Amino acid sequence: MVYHTKELIFTVLPNEIIKIVPNPDNDGTYRLETIEENLAVLHQAIAGKKRATLFDFPNVYIKKDVLKKYANADIQSVASALLAKSSAAKFVGNLFLSIRKRLNSNRKRPIKIFTNKEVATKWLLEELANVK
């Protein structure tokens, strides 16, 4: 199953991982106004099941207020892997994690940054296996 928003594409894979990639039609800007739509579509993709998310972090700067809103969101996935393919993406991912830690020290959903998709997928599958 594939879902689209203006900014993101969500693909539910057979292994219960939701792959999230930037929508190629987006101009590379991530806005506060679209967060609710993105979260609603993610909630629809999770569909009350035990699923994990693999987010292909874009190679663009994301404003701190946007990261803060996502960091504070109640996302019901088992675990999330952030795939950072560049040093810029890794920087934004680390900023997201530090914001999340400050805002939500009690969050139980594990989140890690990876540079390798296979390693990230393996970790997510292990996290999914731990909750089934």
Protein backbone atom coordinates (compact mmCIF):
# COMPACT_ATOMS: atom_id res chain seq x y z
CA MET A 1 0.00 0.00 0.00
CA VAL A 2 1.34 3.44 -0.95
CA TYR A 3 0.19 6.79 0.46
CA HIS A 4 1.14 10.27 -0.79
CA THR A 5 1.19 13.73 0.74
CA LYS A 6 2.59 16.92 -0.75
CA GLU A 7 5.92 16.29 0.99
CA LEU A 8 6.25 12.55 1.54
CA ILE A 9 5.51 9.12 0.11
CA PHE A 10 4.70 6.30 2.57
CA THR A 11 5.05 2.69 1.39
CA VAL A 12 3.93 -0.17 3.63
CA LEU A 13 6.30 -3.05 2.91
CA PRO A 14 5.41 -6.75 3.43
CA ASN A 15 7.82 -6.93 6.41
CA GLU A 16 5.70 -4.33 8.35
CA ILE A 17 8.18 -1.52 7.75
CA ILE A 18 6.80 1.75 6.44
CA LYS A 19 9.33 3.32 4.09
CA ILE A 20 9.03 7.11 4.04
CA VAL A 21 10.75 9.06 1.29
CA PRO A 22 10.55 12.67 0.13
CA ASN A 23 7.93 13.25 -2.56
CA PRO A 24 9.87 14.17 -5.73
CA ASP A 25 7.16 16.74 -6.54
CA ASN A 26 8.01 18.64 -3.34
CA ASP A 27 10.38 21.59 -3.67
CA GLY A 28 12.51 20.37 -0.75
CA THR A 29 10.84 22.63 1.79
CA TYR A 30 9.14 21.07 4.80
CA ARG A 31 6.43 23.24 6.36
CA LEU A 32 4.56 23.40 9.65
CA GLU A 33 1.26 23.55 7.75
CA THR A 34 1.72 20.07 6.27
CA ILE A 35 2.79 18.21 9.41
CA GLU A 36 -0.76 17.29 10.44
CA GLU A 37 -1.45 15.84 6.99
CA ASN A 38 1.80 13.84 7.08
CA LEU A 39 1.06 12.51 10.57
CA ALA A 40 -2.52 11.59 9.61
CA VAL A 41 -1.29 9.62 6.61
CA LEU A 42 1.37 7.91 8.74
CA HIS A 43 -1.33 6.98 11.26
CA GLN A 44 -3.40 5.56 8.39
CA ALA A 45 -0.38 3.55 7.16
CA ILE A 46 0.28 2.17 10.66
CA ALA A 47 -3.41 1.15 10.80
CA GLY A 48 -3.22 0.02 14.43
CA LYS A 49 -0.63 -2.65 13.60
CA LYS A 50 2.84 -3.19 14.97
CA ARG A 51 4.88 -1.43 12.30
CA ALA A 52 8.23 0.33 12.17
CA THR A 53 9.28 3.33 10.09
CA LEU A 54 12.31 3.79 7.86
CA PHE A 55 12.59 7.47 7.01
CA ASP A 56 14.93 8.37 4.17
CA PHE A 57 16.09 11.70 5.57
CA PRO A 58 16.25 14.35 2.86
CA ASN A 59 19.50 16.08 1.98
CA VAL A 60 18.01 19.47 2.79
CA TYR A 61 17.83 21.65 5.84
CA ILE A 62 14.63 21.27 7.85
CA LYS A 63 13.64 24.19 10.07
CA LYS A 64 13.94 23.67 13.79
CA ASP A 65 10.24 24.43 14.41
CA VAL A 66 9.27 21.68 11.96
CA LEU A 67 11.66 19.20 13.63
CA LYS A 68 10.28 20.22 17.02
CA LYS A 69 6.70 19.54 15.93
CA TYR A 70 7.63 16.07 14.62
CA ALA A 71 9.72 15.36 17.73
CA ASN A 72 6.72 16.14 19.91
CA ALA A 73 4.27 14.05 17.85
CA ASP A 74 2.78 10.86 19.26
CA ILE A 75 3.78 8.42 16.53
CA GLN A 76 2.59 4.88 17.25
CA SER A 77 5.30 2.92 15.46
CA VAL A 78 7.39 0.29 17.21
CA ALA A 79 10.71 1.90 16.21
CA SER A 80 12.06 4.41 13.71
CA ALA A 81 15.25 4.38 11.69
CA LEU A 82 16.44 7.61 10.10
CA LEU A 83 18.48 6.92 6.98
CA ALA A 84 21.01 9.73 6.50
CA LYS A 85 22.92 9.48 3.23
CA SER A 86 24.90 12.71 3.62
CA SER A 87 26.58 14.61 6.41
CA ALA A 88 23.89 17.31 6.09
CA ALA A 89 21.15 14.72 6.56
CA LYS A 90 23.02 13.22 9.52
CA PHE A 91 23.30 16.69 11.07
CA VAL A 92 19.55 17.27 10.73
CA GLY A 93 18.86 13.77 12.10
CA ASN A 94 21.05 14.40 15.15
CA LEU A 95 19.34 17.75 15.69
CA PHE A 96 15.97 15.96 15.58
CA LEU A 97 17.13 13.40 18.15
CA SER A 98 18.46 16.08 20.51
CA ILE A 99 15.19 18.04 20.27
CA ARG A 100 13.18 14.86 20.85
CA LYS A 101 15.27 13.98 23.90
CA ARG A 102 14.75 17.42 25.44
CA LEU A 103 11.01 17.45 24.75
CA ASN A 104 10.15 13.80 25.32
CA SER A 105 12.52 12.13 27.72
CA ASN A 106 9.85 9.52 28.54
CA ARG A 107 9.25 8.33 24.97
CA LYS A 108 9.63 4.59 24.61
CA ARG A 109 9.86 4.34 20.81
CA PRO A 110 13.51 3.78 19.91
CA ILE A 111 14.95 5.93 17.14
CA LYS A 112 18.39 5.54 15.57
CA ILE A 113 20.27 7.15 12.70
CA PHE A 114 21.85 4.91 10.07
CA THR A 115 23.91 5.47 6.94
CA ASN A 116 23.23 2.00 5.56
CA LYS A 117 19.71 0.91 4.54
CA GLU A 118 20.35 -2.81 5.08
CA VAL A 119 21.67 -2.25 8.61
CA ALA A 120 18.70 0.01 9.40
CA THR A 121 16.24 -2.56 8.05
CA LYS A 122 17.87 -5.36 10.07
CA TRP A 123 17.61 -3.27 13.25
CA LEU A 124 13.94 -2.46 12.57
CA LEU A 125 13.13 -6.13 11.97
CA GLU A 126 14.80 -7.01 15.29
CA GLU A 127 12.75 -4.32 17.05
CA LEU A 128 9.56 -5.66 15.45
CA ALA A 129 10.43 -9.22 16.50
CA ASN A 130 10.86 -8.05 20.11
CA VAL A 131 7.26 -6.82 20.32
CA LYS A 132 5.43 -9.65 18.55
